[in-house]
Amino acid sequence: MILDEVERRRGISAALVYPFMRSLMESPFPAPGKLIKVKTFLPGAGNEVIELRRPTDSRLEHVDFESLFKCLSVRQVIRVFASLLLERRVIFVADKLSTLSSCMHAVVALLYPFSWQHTFIPVLPGSMLDIVCCPTPFLVGLLSSSVPKLKELPVEEALMVDLGTDRFIRQMDDEASLLPRKLQSALVQALEQRNDIISQDSDSESDEEYNSLTNLVSEAFIRFFLETIGHYSLFLTQTEHGERVFQREAFRKSVASKSIRRFLGVFMESQMFAGFIQDRELRKTRAKGLFEQRVDQYLEELPDSEQSGVNKFLKGLGNKMKFLHKKN
């Protein structure tokens, strides 16, 4: 949003950018989950008040899921997510810097508790366009003006996403079948019904509604990871020398679903998964982040085998959203 305002002012006159940034810096830094109002002046529009809200979860401090879902449909977002999970090459294209920046950071946030381990450039300068010819995984953003030149380059297989038209300029044609089918259906359903889920058991004002969207999207993808790797801690064993070792094959074979086992067979070869497990193997004490809290809750749910597939996914997510509303 701040980048949008900067671009808006720069489009009129570069001299308008400094007063806006100064007004912003003089405003008090908001507490988590709170809103501040910044007064500014714009020729032709007069005095304006801009509202800026800080997320409750510091992990999502600079993440704007709303922008991502304005640019891409739920199904397209999930196809991009799947491509990133398998560490493919992904290129985002947009007309505006702010769109590129917000969507790039949002899509990387969907990977939590994993971290993108490869090249990440939210806005790639035209002079560095040759980077997209490298054979290793990357996630880069390009302004639309660079597309003609891009099409002349010998780019290897990549997913090229046009944020302005919600379509893929280039794709590998298997993006819709990379994730376990039932979990993908549940994820699609949860995200397409996000407004209904948020409004249930909630009579909150806009402040909480914004946080609820951020929470719901985050929790939906966390739920996906719980259903696929939520049992990982059961397979971290300790040697006689006190070292923690992950039992890879036992972990994968313990999953009843063939489609999830197949997915894990590919995902477990990624640097993302290797980094995640290595971090847990090297820790002297158990990790205590948000994901580990969700893992504990998930493992408590495991004996309840009455629910499965989409219903289990939505029930778990629904219970989590109710808890978050009560907490707010």
C-alpha atoms as a PDB file:
ATOM      1  CA  MET A   1       0.000   0.000   0.000  1.00  0.00           C
ATOM      2  CA  ILE A   2       2.830   2.405   0.831  1.00  0.00           C
ATOM      3  CA  LEU A   3       4.449   1.649  -2.535  1.00  0.00           C
ATOM      4  CA  ASP A   4       1.110   2.373  -4.236  1.00  0.00           C
ATOM      5  CA  GLU A   5       0.988   5.790  -2.578  1.00  0.00           C
ATOM      6  CA  VAL A   6       4.609   6.516  -3.500  1.00  0.00           C
ATOM      7  CA  GLU A   7       3.935   5.596  -7.152  1.00  0.00           C
ATOM      8  CA  ARG A   8       0.769   7.683  -7.155  1.00  0.00           C
ATOM      9  CA  ARG A   9       2.705  10.744  -6.008  1.00  0.00           C
ATOM     10  CA  ARG A  10       5.674  10.111  -8.246  1.00  0.00           C
ATOM     11  CA  GLY A  11       3.273   9.992 -11.214  1.00  0.00           C
ATOM     12  CA  ILE A  12       2.309  13.620 -10.458  1.00  0.00           C
ATOM     13  CA  SER A  13       5.682  14.921  -9.288  1.00  0.00           C
ATOM     14  CA  ALA A  14       8.732  13.369  -7.622  1.00  0.00           C
ATOM     15  CA  ALA A  15       8.681  16.328  -5.204  1.00  0.00           C
ATOM     16  CA  LEU A  16       5.512  14.912  -3.583  1.00  0.00           C
ATOM     17  CA  VAL A  17       7.226  11.704  -2.453  1.00  0.00           C
ATOM     18  CA  TYR A  18       9.428  13.236   0.260  1.00  0.00           C
ATOM     19  CA  PRO A  19       6.617  15.015   2.216  1.00  0.00           C
ATOM     20  CA  PHE A  20       4.607  11.781   2.188  1.00  0.00           C
ATOM     21  CA  MET A  21       7.531   9.678   3.456  1.00  0.00           C
ATOM     22  CA  ARG A  22       8.310  12.285   6.118  1.00  0.00           C
ATOM     23  CA  SER A  23       4.683  12.268   7.326  1.00  0.00           C
ATOM     24  CA  LEU A  24       4.848   8.475   7.447  1.00  0.00           C
ATOM     25  CA  MET A  25       8.086   8.411   9.460  1.00  0.00           C
ATOM     26  CA  GLU A  26       6.712  10.931  11.966  1.00  0.00           C
ATOM     27  CA  SER A  27       3.668   8.751  12.670  1.00  0.00           C
ATOM     28  CA  PRO A  28       3.809   6.432  15.711  1.00  0.00           C
ATOM     29  CA  PHE A  29       4.684   2.794  14.951  1.00  0.00           C
ATOM     30  CA  PRO A  30       1.481   0.773  15.452  1.00  0.00           C
ATOM     31  CA  ALA A  31       1.244  -2.086  17.927  1.00  0.00           C
ATOM     32  CA  PRO A  32       0.593  -5.553  16.420  1.00  0.00           C
ATOM     33  CA  GLY A  33      -2.952  -5.759  15.066  1.00  0.00           C
ATOM     34  CA  LYS A  34      -3.558  -2.010  15.451  1.00  0.00           C
ATOM     35  CA  LEU A  35      -4.259   0.747  12.931  1.00  0.00           C
ATOM     36  CA  ILE A  36      -2.682   4.179  12.455  1.00  0.00           C
ATOM     37  CA  LYS A  37      -3.899   7.071  10.327  1.00  0.00           C
ATOM     38  CA  VAL A  38      -1.453   9.185   8.296  1.00  0.00           C
ATOM     39  CA  LYS A  39      -2.556  12.634   7.110  1.00  0.00           C
ATOM     40  CA  THR A  40      -1.207  13.701   3.712  1.00  0.00           C
ATOM     41  CA  PHE A  41      -1.864  16.307   1.027  1.00  0.00           C
ATOM     42  CA  LEU A  42      -2.209  15.618  -2.689  1.00  0.00           C
ATOM     43  CA  PRO A  43      -2.767  18.339  -5.338  1.00  0.00           C
ATOM     44  CA  GLY A  44      -6.209  17.978  -6.837  1.00  0.00           C
ATOM     45  CA  ALA A  45      -7.390  15.718  -4.037  1.00  0.00           C
ATOM     46  CA  GLY A  46      -6.628  17.936  -1.055  1.00  0.00           C
ATOM     47  CA  ASN A  47      -6.020  16.530   2.418  1.00  0.00           C
ATOM     48  CA  GLU A  48      -6.230  12.761   2.711  1.00  0.00           C
ATOM     49  CA  VAL A  49      -6.092  10.255   5.547  1.00  0.00           C
ATOM     50  CA  ILE A  50      -4.386   6.926   4.808  1.00  0.00           C
ATOM     51  CA  GLU A  51      -5.021   3.990   7.134  1.00  0.00           C
ATOM     52  CA  LEU A  52      -2.203   1.494   7.733  1.00  0.00           C
ATOM     53  CA  ARG A  53      -2.693  -1.681   9.726  1.00  0.00           C
ATOM     54  CA  ARG A  54       0.000  -3.858  11.288  1.00  0.00           C
ATOM     55  CA  PRO A  55      -0.678  -7.638  11.335  1.00  0.00           C
ATOM     56  CA  THR A  56      -1.102  -9.397  14.671  1.00  0.00           C
ATOM     57  CA  ASP A  57       1.395 -12.103  13.680  1.00  0.00           C
ATOM     58  CA  SER A  58       4.897 -10.664  13.180  1.00  0.00           C
ATOM     59  CA  ARG A  59       5.637 -13.510  10.753  1.00  0.00           C
ATOM     60  CA  LEU A  60       3.072 -11.907   8.429  1.00  0.00           C
ATOM     61  CA  GLU A  61       4.262  -8.353   9.125  1.00  0.00           C
ATOM     62  CA  HIS A  62       4.793  -7.411   5.476  1.00  0.00           C
ATOM     63  CA  VAL A  63       2.456  -9.897   3.835  1.00  0.00           C
ATOM     64  CA  ASP A  64      -0.622  -8.817   1.892  1.00  0.00           C
ATOM     65  CA  PHE A  65      -2.679 -11.864   0.904  1.00  0.00           C
ATOM     66  CA  GLU A  66      -5.503  -9.600  -0.240  1.00  0.00           C
ATOM     67  CA  SER A  67      -3.384  -8.279  -3.131  1.00  0.00           C
ATOM     68  CA  LEU A  68      -2.448 -11.822  -4.159  1.00  0.00           C
ATOM     69  CA  PHE A  69      -6.079 -12.974  -4.332  1.00  0.00           C
ATOM     70  CA  LYS A  70      -7.114  -9.814  -6.173  1.00  0.00           C
ATOM     71  CA  CYS A  71      -4.610 -10.668  -8.903  1.00  0.00           C
ATOM     72  CA  LEU A  72      -4.983 -14.450  -9.045  1.00  0.00           C
ATOM     73  CA  SER A  73      -7.858 -16.882  -8.615  1.00  0.00           C
ATOM     74  CA  VAL A  74      -7.641 -19.471  -5.841  1.00  0.00           C
ATOM     75  CA  ARG A  75      -6.833 -22.250  -8.316  1.00  0.00           C
ATOM     76  CA  GLN A  76      -4.014 -20.256  -9.893  1.00  0.00           C
ATOM     77  CA  VAL A  77      -2.560 -19.416  -6.470  1.00  0.00           C
ATOM     78  CA  ILE A  78      -2.522 -23.109  -5.568  1.00  0.00           C
ATOM     79  CA  ARG A  79      -0.811 -24.025  -8.855  1.00  0.00           C
ATOM     80  CA  VAL A  80       1.900 -21.445  -8.152  1.00  0.00           C
ATOM     81  CA  PHE A  81       2.187 -22.773  -4.578  1.00  0.00           C
ATOM     82  CA  ALA A  82       2.594 -26.340  -5.885  1.00  0.00           C
ATOM     83  CA  SER A  83       5.291 -25.250  -8.358  1.00  0.00           C
ATOM     84  CA  LEU A  84       7.231 -23.504  -5.591  1.00  0.00           C
ATOM     85  CA  LEU A  85       6.950 -26.535  -3.294  1.00  0.00           C
ATOM     86  CA  LEU A  86       8.647 -28.625  -5.971  1.00  0.00           C
ATOM     87  CA  GLU A  87      11.245 -25.852  -6.413  1.00  0.00           C
ATOM     88  CA  ARG A  88      10.528 -24.991 -10.021  1.00  0.00           C
ATOM     89  CA  ARG A  89      11.341 -21.762 -11.841  1.00  0.00           C
ATOM     90  CA  VAL A  90       8.569 -19.172 -11.443  1.00  0.00           C
ATOM     91  CA  ILE A  91       8.316 -15.693 -12.995  1.00  0.00           C
ATOM     92  CA  PHE A  92       5.703 -13.111 -11.937  1.00  0.00           C
ATOM     93  CA  VAL A  93       4.840 -10.324 -14.387  1.00  0.00           C
ATOM     94  CA  ALA A  94       2.963  -7.103 -13.501  1.00  0.00           C
ATOM     95  CA  ASP A  95       2.622  -3.471 -14.582  1.00  0.00           C
ATOM     96  CA  LYS A  96       3.373  -2.023 -11.158  1.00  0.00           C
ATOM     97  CA  LEU A  97       6.255  -2.435  -8.719  1.00  0.00           C
ATOM     98  CA  SER A  98       3.882  -2.547  -5.743  1.00  0.00           C
ATOM     99  CA  THR A  99       1.880  -5.425  -7.275  1.00  0.00           C
ATOM    100  CA  LEU A 100       5.023  -7.453  -7.913  1.00  0.00           C
ATOM    101  CA  SER A 101       6.432  -6.829  -4.452  1.00  0.00           C
ATOM    102  CA  SER A 102       3.231  -7.605  -2.505  1.00  0.00           C
ATOM    103  CA  CYS A 103       2.358 -10.746  -4.506  1.00  0.00           C
ATOM    104  CA  MET A 104       5.904 -12.127  -4.407  1.00  0.00           C
ATOM    105  CA  HIS A 105       6.169 -11.763  -0.635  1.00  0.00           C
ATOM    106  CA  ALA A 106       2.660 -13.161  -0.140  1.00  0.00           C
ATOM    107  CA  VAL A 107       3.269 -16.310  -2.176  1.00  0.00           C
ATOM    108  CA  VAL A 108       6.534 -17.025  -0.311  1.00  0.00           C
ATOM    109  CA  ALA A 109       4.656 -16.647   3.000  1.00  0.00           C
ATOM    110  CA  LEU A 110       2.355 -19.511   1.915  1.00  0.00           C
ATOM    111  CA  LEU A 111       5.330 -21.884   2.193  1.00  0.00           C
ATOM    112  CA  TYR A 112       5.590 -21.521   6.001  1.00  0.00           C
ATOM    113  CA  PRO A 113       6.973 -23.452   7.917  1.00  0.00           C
ATOM    114  CA  PHE A 114       9.333 -23.936   4.977  1.00  0.00           C
ATOM    115  CA  SER A 115      11.581 -21.261   3.482  1.00  0.00           C
ATOM    116  CA  TRP A 116      12.367 -20.653  -0.188  1.00  0.00           C
ATOM    117  CA  GLN A 117      16.030 -21.665  -0.512  1.00  0.00           C
ATOM    118  CA  HIS A 118      16.810 -20.347  -3.983  1.00  0.00           C
ATOM    119  CA  THR A 119      17.086 -17.098  -5.948  1.00  0.00           C
ATOM    120  CA  PHE A 120      14.373 -14.633  -4.899  1.00  0.00           C
ATOM    121  CA  ILE A 121      14.207 -11.229  -6.634  1.00  0.00           C
ATOM    122  CA  PRO A 122      10.860  -9.403  -6.200  1.00  0.00           C
ATOM    123  CA  VAL A 123      11.689  -6.901  -8.966  1.00  0.00           C
ATOM    124  CA  LEU A 124      14.341  -7.965 -11.482  1.00  0.00           C
ATOM    125  CA  PRO A 125      15.922  -5.001 -13.315  1.00  0.00           C
ATOM    126  CA  GLY A 126      15.831  -5.231 -17.105  1.00  0.00           C
ATOM    127  CA  SER A 127      19.635  -5.132 -17.179  1.00  0.00           C
ATOM    128  CA  MET A 128      19.728  -8.430 -15.220  1.00  0.00           C
ATOM    129  CA  LEU A 129      17.169 -10.294 -17.317  1.00  0.00           C
ATOM    130  CA  ASP A 130      19.659 -13.027 -18.246  1.00  0.00           C
ATOM    131  CA  ILE A 131      19.169 -14.484 -14.740  1.00  0.00           C
ATOM    132  CA  VAL A 132      15.982 -16.179 -15.962  1.00  0.00           C
ATOM    133  CA  CYS A 133      18.112 -18.357 -18.271  1.00  0.00           C
ATOM    134  CA  CYS A 134      19.802 -20.130 -15.343  1.00  0.00           C
ATOM    135  CA  PRO A 135      18.912 -23.830 -14.870  1.00  0.00           C
ATOM    136  CA  THR A 136      18.456 -23.612 -11.080  1.00  0.00           C
ATOM    137  CA  PRO A 137      15.159 -22.801  -9.292  1.00  0.00           C
ATOM    138  CA  PHE A 138      14.210 -19.143  -8.922  1.00  0.00           C
ATOM    139  CA  LEU A 139      11.286 -16.872  -8.080  1.00  0.00           C
ATOM    140  CA  VAL A 140      11.589 -13.503  -9.804  1.00  0.00           C
ATOM    141  CA  GLY A 141       9.310 -10.577 -10.599  1.00  0.00           C
ATOM    142  CA  LEU A 142       9.385  -8.640 -13.880  1.00  0.00           C
ATOM    143  CA  LEU A 143       7.677  -5.479 -15.025  1.00  0.00           C
ATOM    144  CA  SER A 144       5.483  -6.040 -18.086  1.00  0.00           C
ATOM    145  CA  SER A 145       7.774  -3.818 -20.143  1.00  0.00           C
ATOM    146  CA  SER A 146      10.457  -6.548 -19.937  1.00  0.00           C
ATOM    147  CA  VAL A 147       8.256  -9.308 -21.438  1.00  0.00           C
ATOM    148  CA  PRO A 148       9.122  -8.680 -25.141  1.00  0.00           C
ATOM    149  CA  LYS A 149      12.831  -9.032 -24.348  1.00  0.00           C
ATOM    150  CA  LEU A 150      12.126 -12.027 -22.113  1.00  0.00           C
ATOM    151  CA  LYS A 151      10.459 -13.894 -24.985  1.00  0.00           C
ATOM    152  CA  GLU A 152      13.674 -13.621 -26.999  1.00  0.00           C
ATOM    153  CA  LEU A 153      15.741 -15.367 -24.310  1.00  0.00           C
ATOM    154  CA  PRO A 154      16.371 -19.152 -24.138  1.00  0.00           C
ATOM    155  CA  VAL A 155      14.458 -19.617 -20.876  1.00  0.00           C
ATOM    156  CA  GLU A 156      14.300 -23.211 -19.613  1.00  0.00           C
ATOM    157  CA  GLU A 157      10.994 -24.698 -18.437  1.00  0.00           C
ATOM    158  CA  ALA A 158       9.309 -22.171 -16.153  1.00  0.00           C
ATOM    159  CA  LEU A 159       5.899 -21.071 -14.924  1.00  0.00           C
ATOM    160  CA  MET A 160       5.295 -17.493 -16.069  1.00  0.00           C
ATOM    161  CA  VAL A 161       2.395 -15.782 -14.256  1.00  0.00           C
ATOM    162  CA  ASP A 162       0.676 -12.621 -15.503  1.00  0.00           C
ATOM    163  CA  LEU A 163      -0.690 -10.893 -12.394  1.00  0.00           C
ATOM    164  CA  GLY A 164      -2.646  -8.407 -14.496  1.00  0.00           C
ATOM    165  CA  THR A 165      -4.776 -10.983 -16.341  1.00  0.00           C
ATOM    166  CA  ASP A 166      -4.817 -13.972 -13.931  1.00  0.00           C
ATOM    167  CA  ARG A 167      -3.333 -16.283 -16.566  1.00  0.00           C
ATOM    168  CA  PHE A 168      -0.165 -18.265 -17.192  1.00  0.00           C
ATOM    169  CA  ILE A 169       1.929 -16.961 -20.083  1.00  0.00           C
ATOM    170  CA  ARG A 170       3.973 -20.175 -19.958  1.00  0.00           C
ATOM    171  CA  GLN A 171       3.422 -23.352 -17.990  1.00  0.00           C
ATOM    172  CA  MET A 172       4.413 -27.006 -17.807  1.00  0.00           C
ATOM    173  CA  ASP A 173       0.772 -28.210 -17.954  1.00  0.00           C
ATOM    174  CA  ASP A 174       0.986 -30.454 -14.871  1.00  0.00           C
ATOM    175  CA  GLU A 175       0.605 -27.729 -12.233  1.00  0.00           C
ATOM    176  CA  ALA A 176      -2.957 -28.788 -11.362  1.00  0.00           C
ATOM    177  CA  SER A 177      -1.886 -32.354 -10.500  1.00  0.00           C
ATOM    178  CA  LEU A 178       1.224 -31.794  -8.353  1.00  0.00           C
ATOM    179  CA  LEU A 179      -0.515 -31.851  -4.942  1.00  0.00           C
ATOM    180  CA  PRO A 180      -2.510 -34.726  -3.365  1.00  0.00           C
ATOM    181  CA  ARG A 181      -5.948 -34.470  -4.965  1.00  0.00           C
ATOM    182  CA  LYS A 182      -8.150 -34.519  -1.835  1.00  0.00           C
ATOM    183  CA  LEU A 183      -5.970 -32.042   0.030  1.00  0.00           C
ATOM    184  CA  GLN A 184      -5.893 -29.740  -2.985  1.00  0.00           C
ATOM    185  CA  SER A 185      -9.707 -29.860  -3.198  1.00  0.00           C
ATOM    186  CA  ALA A 186      -9.960 -29.043   0.515  1.00  0.00           C
ATOM    187  CA  LEU A 187      -7.527 -26.149   0.157  1.00  0.00           C
ATOM    188  CA  VAL A 188      -9.464 -24.770  -2.824  1.00  0.00           C
ATOM    189  CA  GLN A 189     -12.763 -25.069  -0.957  1.00  0.00           C
ATOM    190  CA  ALA A 190     -11.436 -23.384   2.200  1.00  0.00           C
ATOM    191  CA  LEU A 191      -9.966 -20.463   0.246  1.00  0.00           C
ATOM    192  CA  GLU A 192     -12.968 -20.013  -2.047  1.00  0.00           C
ATOM    193  CA  GLN A 193     -15.224 -19.935   1.025  1.00  0.00           C
ATOM    194  CA  ARG A 194     -12.856 -17.660   2.957  1.00  0.00           C
ATOM    195  CA  ASN A 195     -15.371 -14.830   3.331  1.00  0.00           C
ATOM    196  CA  ASP A 196     -18.066 -17.204   4.659  1.00  0.00           C
ATOM    197  CA  ILE A 197     -15.636 -18.844   7.103  1.00  0.00           C
ATOM    198  CA  ILE A 198     -14.432 -15.447   8.342  1.00  0.00           C
ATOM    199  CA  SER A 199     -17.974 -14.167   8.893  1.00  0.00           C
ATOM    200  CA  GLN A 200     -19.003 -17.232  10.954  1.00  0.00           C
ATOM    201  CA  ASP A 201     -18.888 -16.579  14.686  1.00  0.00           C
ATOM    202  CA  SER A 202     -17.499 -13.109  14.028  1.00  0.00           C
ATOM    203  CA  ASP A 203     -19.092  -9.706  14.401  1.00  0.00           C
ATOM    204  CA  SER A 204     -15.744  -7.891  14.281  1.00  0.00           C
ATOM    205  CA  GLU A 205     -14.975  -4.577  12.652  1.00  0.00           C
ATOM    206  CA  SER A 206     -12.638  -4.022   9.682  1.00  0.00           C
ATOM    207  CA  ASP A 207      -9.520  -4.253  11.861  1.00  0.00           C
ATOM    208  CA  GLU A 208     -10.247  -7.839  12.813  1.00  0.00           C
ATOM    209  CA  GLU A 209     -11.641  -8.708   9.373  1.00  0.00           C
ATOM    210  CA  TYR A 210      -8.296  -7.869   7.807  1.00  0.00           C
ATOM    211  CA  ASN A 211      -6.483  -9.949  10.393  1.00  0.00           C
ATOM    212  CA  SER A 212      -9.004 -12.760   9.883  1.00  0.00           C
ATOM    213  CA  LEU A 213      -8.252 -12.910   6.127  1.00  0.00           C
ATOM    214  CA  THR A 214      -4.531 -13.047   6.859  1.00  0.00           C
ATOM    215  CA  ASN A 215      -5.060 -15.682   9.574  1.00  0.00           C
ATOM    216  CA  LEU A 216      -7.397 -17.819   7.491  1.00  0.00           C
ATOM    217  CA  VAL A 217      -5.105 -17.945   4.461  1.00  0.00           C
ATOM    218  CA  SER A 218      -2.097 -18.693   6.663  1.00  0.00           C
ATOM    219  CA  GLU A 219      -3.941 -21.355   8.672  1.00  0.00           C
ATOM    220  CA  ALA A 220      -5.323 -23.012   5.509  1.00  0.00           C
ATOM    221  CA  PHE A 221      -1.836 -23.608   4.139  1.00  0.00           C
ATOM    222  CA  ILE A 222      -0.511 -24.614   7.559  1.00  0.00           C
ATOM    223  CA  ARG A 223      -3.341 -27.173   7.637  1.00  0.00           C
ATOM    224  CA  PHE A 224      -2.139 -28.541   4.285  1.00  0.00           C
ATOM    225  CA  PHE A 225       1.321 -29.084   5.762  1.00  0.00           C
ATOM    226  CA  LEU A 226      -0.119 -30.662   8.910  1.00  0.00           C
ATOM    227  CA  GLU A 227      -1.985 -33.193   6.768  1.00  0.00           C
ATOM    228  CA  THR A 228       1.191 -34.036   4.825  1.00  0.00           C
ATOM    229  CA  ILE A 229       4.107 -33.741   7.285  1.00  0.00           C
ATOM    230  CA  GLY A 230       2.420 -33.041  10.648  1.00  0.00           C
ATOM    231  CA  HIS A 231       3.701 -36.337  12.044  1.00  0.00           C
ATOM    232  CA  TYR A 232       7.394 -35.554  11.317  1.00  0.00           C
ATOM    233  CA  SER A 233       8.347 -35.132  15.000  1.00  0.00           C
ATOM    234  CA  LEU A 234       7.374 -38.773  15.693  1.00  0.00           C
ATOM    235  CA  PHE A 235      10.264 -39.835  13.444  1.00  0.00           C
ATOM    236  CA  LEU A 236      13.000 -37.692  14.981  1.00  0.00           C
ATOM    237  CA  THR A 237      14.915 -40.210  17.066  1.00  0.00           C
ATOM    238  CA  GLN A 238      17.909 -39.722  19.335  1.00  0.00           C
ATOM    239  CA  THR A 239      21.127 -41.734  18.958  1.00  0.00           C
ATOM    240  CA  GLU A 240      23.219 -42.971  21.875  1.00  0.00           C
ATOM    241  CA  HIS A 241      25.474 -39.948  21.279  1.00  0.00           C
ATOM    242  CA  GLY A 242      22.537 -37.585  21.787  1.00  0.00           C
ATOM    243  CA  GLU A 243      22.186 -36.661  18.098  1.00  0.00           C
ATOM    244  CA  ARG A 244      18.720 -36.256  16.624  1.00  0.00           C
ATOM    245  CA  VAL A 245      18.208 -38.224  13.401  1.00  0.00           C
ATOM    246  CA  PHE A 246      15.198 -38.166  11.069  1.00  0.00           C
ATOM    247  CA  GLN A 247      13.903 -41.560   9.899  1.00  0.00           C
ATOM    248  CA  ARG A 248      13.026 -40.587   6.319  1.00  0.00           C
ATOM    249  CA  GLU A 249      11.636 -43.793   4.847  1.00  0.00           C
ATOM    250  CA  ALA A 250       9.712 -44.759   7.986  1.00  0.00           C
ATOM    251  CA  PHE A 251       8.184 -41.255   7.995  1.00  0.00           C
ATOM    252  CA  ARG A 252       7.009 -41.500   4.375  1.00  0.00           C
ATOM    253  CA  LYS A 253       5.763 -45.094   4.615  1.00  0.00           C
ATOM    254  CA  SER A 254       3.748 -44.293   7.750  1.00  0.00           C
ATOM    255  CA  VAL A 255       1.311 -42.238   5.646  1.00  0.00           C
ATOM    256  CA  ALA A 256      -1.811 -44.210   4.713  1.00  0.00           C
ATOM    257  CA  SER A 257      -2.735 -42.124   1.647  1.00  0.00           C
ATOM    258  CA  LYS A 258      -1.008 -43.228  -1.580  1.00  0.00           C
ATOM    259  CA  SER A 259      -1.331 -39.757  -3.129  1.00  0.00           C
ATOM    260  CA  ILE A 260       0.296 -38.094  -0.097  1.00  0.00           C
ATOM    261  CA  ARG A 261       3.076 -40.719  -0.091  1.00  0.00           C
ATOM    262  CA  ARG A 262       3.656 -40.025  -3.784  1.00  0.00           C
ATOM    263  CA  PHE A 263       3.777 -36.271  -3.139  1.00  0.00           C
ATOM    264  CA  LEU A 264       6.186 -36.755  -0.227  1.00  0.00           C
ATOM    265  CA  GLY A 265       8.453 -38.874  -2.426  1.00  0.00           C
ATOM    266  CA  VAL A 266       9.073 -35.766  -4.548  1.00  0.00           C
ATOM    267  CA  PHE A 267       8.790 -33.027  -1.897  1.00  0.00           C
ATOM    268  CA  MET A 268      11.240 -34.748   0.462  1.00  0.00           C
ATOM    269  CA  GLU A 269      13.962 -34.335  -2.173  1.00  0.00           C
ATOM    270  CA  SER A 270      13.643 -30.534  -2.088  1.00  0.00           C
ATOM    271  CA  GLN A 271      16.126 -28.224  -0.383  1.00  0.00           C
ATOM    272  CA  MET A 272      13.169 -26.708   1.493  1.00  0.00           C
ATOM    273  CA  PHE A 273      12.354 -29.993   3.178  1.00  0.00           C
ATOM    274  CA  ALA A 274      16.049 -30.806   3.785  1.00  0.00           C
ATOM    275  CA  GLY A 275      16.567 -27.405   5.465  1.00  0.00           C
ATOM    276  CA  PHE A 276      13.452 -27.834   7.608  1.00  0.00           C
ATOM    277  CA  ILE A 277      14.540 -31.265   8.871  1.00  0.00           C
ATOM    278  CA  GLN A 278      18.174 -30.278   9.347  1.00  0.00           C
ATOM    279  CA  ASP A 279      17.105 -27.339  11.497  1.00  0.00           C
ATOM    280  CA  ARG A 280      15.090 -29.676  13.732  1.00  0.00           C
ATOM    281  CA  GLU A 281      17.874 -32.296  13.886  1.00  0.00           C
ATOM    282  CA  LEU A 282      20.429 -29.711  15.027  1.00  0.00           C
ATOM    283  CA  ARG A 283      18.239 -28.055  17.684  1.00  0.00           C
ATOM    284  CA  LYS A 284      19.171 -28.944  21.243  1.00  0.00           C
ATOM    285  CA  THR A 285      15.609 -28.212  22.345  1.00  0.00           C
ATOM    286  CA  ARG A 286      12.387 -28.733  20.432  1.00  0.00           C
ATOM    287  CA  ALA A 287      11.266 -25.889  18.170  1.00  0.00           C
ATOM    288  CA  LYS A 288       8.442 -23.844  19.729  1.00  0.00           C
ATOM    289  CA  GLY A 289       7.112 -21.788  16.831  1.00  0.00           C
ATOM    290  CA  LEU A 290       3.525 -21.505  15.583  1.00  0.00           C
ATOM    291  CA  PHE A 291       3.861 -24.585  13.388  1.00  0.00           C
ATOM    292  CA  GLU A 292       5.017 -26.731  16.293  1.00  0.00           C
ATOM    293  CA  GLN A 293       1.998 -25.559  18.303  1.00  0.00           C
ATOM    294  CA  ARG A 294      -0.254 -26.640  15.423  1.00  0.00           C
ATOM    295  CA  VAL A 295       1.617 -29.966  15.192  1.00  0.00           C
ATOM    296  CA  ASP A 296       0.875 -30.678  18.862  1.00  0.00           C
ATOM    297  CA  GLN A 297      -2.815 -29.932  18.302  1.00  0.00           C
ATOM    298  CA  TYR A 298      -2.839 -32.035  15.127  1.00  0.00           C
ATOM    299  CA  LEU A 299      -1.263 -35.060  16.814  1.00  0.00           C
ATOM    300  CA  GLU A 300      -3.940 -34.865  19.520  1.00  0.00           C
ATOM    301  CA  GLU A 301      -6.593 -35.036  16.757  1.00  0.00           C
ATOM    302  CA  LEU A 302      -5.079 -38.118  15.077  1.00  0.00           C
ATOM    303  CA  PRO A 303      -7.034 -40.781  17.038  1.00  0.00           C
ATOM    304  CA  ASP A 304     -10.259 -39.232  15.701  1.00  0.00           C
ATOM    305  CA  SER A 305     -10.523 -41.110  12.411  1.00  0.00           C
ATOM    306  CA  GLU A 306     -14.198 -40.365  11.776  1.00  0.00           C
ATOM    307  CA  GLN A 307     -13.389 -37.411   9.537  1.00  0.00           C
ATOM    308  CA  SER A 308     -11.250 -37.722   6.435  1.00  0.00           C
ATOM    309  CA  GLY A 309     -10.281 -35.780   3.319  1.00  0.00           C
ATOM    310  CA  VAL A 310     -12.047 -32.484   2.647  1.00  0.00           C
ATOM    311  CA  ASN A 311     -14.346 -32.684   5.696  1.00  0.00           C
ATOM    312  CA  LYS A 312     -11.448 -33.304   8.082  1.00  0.00           C
ATOM    313  CA  PHE A 313      -9.462 -30.436   6.542  1.00  0.00           C
ATOM    314  CA  LEU A 314     -12.361 -27.962   6.749  1.00  0.00           C
ATOM    315  CA  LYS A 315     -13.335 -29.086  10.260  1.00  0.00           C
ATOM    316  CA  GLY A 316      -9.769 -28.560  11.488  1.00  0.00           C
ATOM    317  CA  LEU A 317      -9.552 -25.151   9.820  1.00  0.00           C
ATOM    318  CA  GLY A 318     -13.007 -24.132  11.058  1.00  0.00           C
ATOM    319  CA  ASN A 319     -12.120 -24.972  14.667  1.00  0.00           C
ATOM    320  CA  LYS A 320      -8.915 -22.976  14.363  1.00  0.00           C
ATOM    321  CA  MET A 321     -10.741 -19.915  12.993  1.00  0.00           C
ATOM    322  CA  LYS A 322     -13.297 -20.069  15.834  1.00  0.00           C
ATOM    323  CA  PHE A 323     -10.429 -20.114  18.310  1.00  0.00           C
ATOM    324  CA  LEU A 324      -8.793 -17.117  16.650  1.00  0.00           C
ATOM    325  CA  HIS A 325     -12.055 -15.118  16.702  1.00  0.00           C
ATOM    326  CA  LYS A 326     -12.513 -15.806  20.423  1.00  0.00           C
ATOM    327  CA  LYS A 327      -8.895 -14.792  21.012  1.00  0.00           C
ATOM    328  CA  ASN A 328      -9.428 -11.497  19.140  1.00  0.00           C
END
